[in-house]
Amino acid sequence: MDLKSVLDEVESWPVQDRLRLIEEVWGLISASPESFVLSEPQNQDLRRRLDRVRAHPNLGASWEVVEARLRGMGR
């Protein structure tokens, strides 16, 4: 089955199932981080963001706070 066929099928799924698929695929990717290589622009962006976090550690919100806000949106 080619990618277009898979995407056509997935498009017909309920949103919750599509989100679950994303989580599962991300789990497969994150299980082998050594196979994931960032491009130079991605590396530069990551360094810029990390520098900003280090310079301003009190800005932003923790993942737990962000996740709670996102989960609260579905109510």
C-alpha atoms as a PDB file:
ATOM      1  CA  MET A   1       0.000   0.000   0.000  1.00  0.00           C
ATOM      2  CA  ASP A   2       1.449   3.377  -0.956  1.00  0.00           C
ATOM      3  CA  LEU A   3       1.475   6.472   1.243  1.00  0.00           C
ATOM      4  CA  LYS A   4      -1.364   8.198  -0.631  1.00  0.00           C
ATOM      5  CA  SER A   5      -3.609   5.174  -0.154  1.00  0.00           C
ATOM      6  CA  VAL A   6      -2.788   5.087   3.547  1.00  0.00           C
ATOM      7  CA  LEU A   7      -3.497   8.817   3.922  1.00  0.00           C
ATOM      8  CA  ASP A   8      -6.768   8.492   2.001  1.00  0.00           C
ATOM      9  CA  GLU A   9      -7.816   5.745   4.409  1.00  0.00           C
ATOM     10  CA  VAL A  10      -6.684   7.637   7.508  1.00  0.00           C
ATOM     11  CA  GLU A  11      -8.587  10.740   6.373  1.00  0.00           C
ATOM     12  CA  SER A  12     -11.847   8.823   6.809  1.00  0.00           C
ATOM     13  CA  TRP A  13     -11.053   7.923  10.443  1.00  0.00           C
ATOM     14  CA  PRO A  14     -12.448   9.828  13.426  1.00  0.00           C
ATOM     15  CA  VAL A  15     -10.117  12.520  14.765  1.00  0.00           C
ATOM     16  CA  GLN A  16      -9.392  10.570  17.958  1.00  0.00           C
ATOM     17  CA  ASP A  17      -8.132   7.616  15.917  1.00  0.00           C
ATOM     18  CA  ARG A  18      -5.963   9.895  13.771  1.00  0.00           C
ATOM     19  CA  LEU A  19      -4.443  11.427  16.896  1.00  0.00           C
ATOM     20  CA  ARG A  20      -3.763   7.969  18.298  1.00  0.00           C
ATOM     21  CA  LEU A  21      -2.014   7.044  15.054  1.00  0.00           C
ATOM     22  CA  ILE A  22       0.186  10.136  15.377  1.00  0.00           C
ATOM     23  CA  GLU A  23       1.087   9.162  18.937  1.00  0.00           C
ATOM     24  CA  GLU A  24       1.932   5.615  17.867  1.00  0.00           C
ATOM     25  CA  VAL A  25       4.082   6.749  14.929  1.00  0.00           C
ATOM     26  CA  TRP A  26       5.868   9.301  17.125  1.00  0.00           C
ATOM     27  CA  GLY A  27       6.546   6.510  19.621  1.00  0.00           C
ATOM     28  CA  LEU A  28       8.179   4.458  16.876  1.00  0.00           C
ATOM     29  CA  ILE A  29      10.336   7.411  15.838  1.00  0.00           C
ATOM     30  CA  SER A  30      11.351   8.347  19.367  1.00  0.00           C
ATOM     31  CA  ALA A  31      12.258   4.735  20.165  1.00  0.00           C
ATOM     32  CA  SER A  32      15.283   5.075  17.879  1.00  0.00           C
ATOM     33  CA  PRO A  33      16.461   8.693  18.209  1.00  0.00           C
ATOM     34  CA  GLU A  34      19.838   7.830  16.677  1.00  0.00           C
ATOM     35  CA  SER A  35      18.135   7.419  13.301  1.00  0.00           C
ATOM     36  CA  PHE A  36      16.631  10.910  13.427  1.00  0.00           C
ATOM     37  CA  VAL A  37      19.019  13.583  12.175  1.00  0.00           C
ATOM     38  CA  LEU A  38      18.219  17.285  12.364  1.00  0.00           C
ATOM     39  CA  SER A  39      19.018  19.551   9.438  1.00  0.00           C
ATOM     40  CA  GLU A  40      21.373  22.474  10.022  1.00  0.00           C
ATOM     41  CA  PRO A  41      18.482  25.007  10.116  1.00  0.00           C
ATOM     42  CA  GLN A  42      16.713  22.791  12.675  1.00  0.00           C
ATOM     43  CA  ASN A  43      19.904  22.598  14.751  1.00  0.00           C
ATOM     44  CA  GLN A  44      20.277  26.376  14.626  1.00  0.00           C
ATOM     45  CA  ASP A  45      16.662  26.868  15.683  1.00  0.00           C
ATOM     46  CA  LEU A  46      17.062  24.397  18.533  1.00  0.00           C
ATOM     47  CA  ARG A  47      20.223  26.147  19.744  1.00  0.00           C
ATOM     48  CA  ARG A  48      18.465  29.529  19.563  1.00  0.00           C
ATOM     49  CA  ARG A  49      15.515  28.230  21.567  1.00  0.00           C
ATOM     50  CA  LEU A  50      17.740  26.544  24.161  1.00  0.00           C
ATOM     51  CA  ASP A  51      19.771  29.745  24.555  1.00  0.00           C
ATOM     52  CA  ARG A  52      16.553  31.706  25.148  1.00  0.00           C
ATOM     53  CA  VAL A  53      15.324  29.218  27.748  1.00  0.00           C
ATOM     54  CA  ARG A  54      18.659  29.340  29.543  1.00  0.00           C
ATOM     55  CA  ALA A  55      18.681  33.150  29.471  1.00  0.00           C
ATOM     56  CA  HIS A  56      15.057  33.405  30.688  1.00  0.00           C
ATOM     57  CA  PRO A  57      14.278  30.266  32.740  1.00  0.00           C
ATOM     58  CA  ASN A  58      11.098  31.732  34.262  1.00  0.00           C
ATOM     59  CA  LEU A  59       9.370  32.362  30.925  1.00  0.00           C
ATOM     60  CA  GLY A  60       6.929  29.867  29.528  1.00  0.00           C
ATOM     61  CA  ALA A  61       5.150  26.970  31.186  1.00  0.00           C
ATOM     62  CA  SER A  62       6.057  23.408  32.054  1.00  0.00           C
ATOM     63  CA  TRP A  63       4.856  20.546  29.881  1.00  0.00           C
ATOM     64  CA  GLU A  64       2.483  19.499  32.657  1.00  0.00           C
ATOM     65  CA  VAL A  65       0.785  22.930  32.626  1.00  0.00           C
ATOM     66  CA  VAL A  66       0.576  23.019  28.822  1.00  0.00           C
ATOM     67  CA  GLU A  67      -0.778  19.477  28.655  1.00  0.00           C
ATOM     68  CA  ALA A  68      -3.431  20.245  31.280  1.00  0.00           C
ATOM     69  CA  ARG A  69      -4.517  23.323  29.324  1.00  0.00           C
ATOM     70  CA  LEU A  70      -4.741  21.335  26.098  1.00  0.00           C
ATOM     71  CA  ARG A  71      -6.691  18.520  27.695  1.00  0.00           C
ATOM     72  CA  GLY A  72      -9.057  21.078  29.226  1.00  0.00           C
ATOM     73  CA  MET A  73      -9.843  22.451  25.774  1.00  0.00           C
ATOM     74  CA  GLY A  74     -11.643  19.241  24.829  1.00  0.00           C
ATOM     75  CA  ARG A  75     -14.304  19.667  27.485  1.00  0.00           C
END
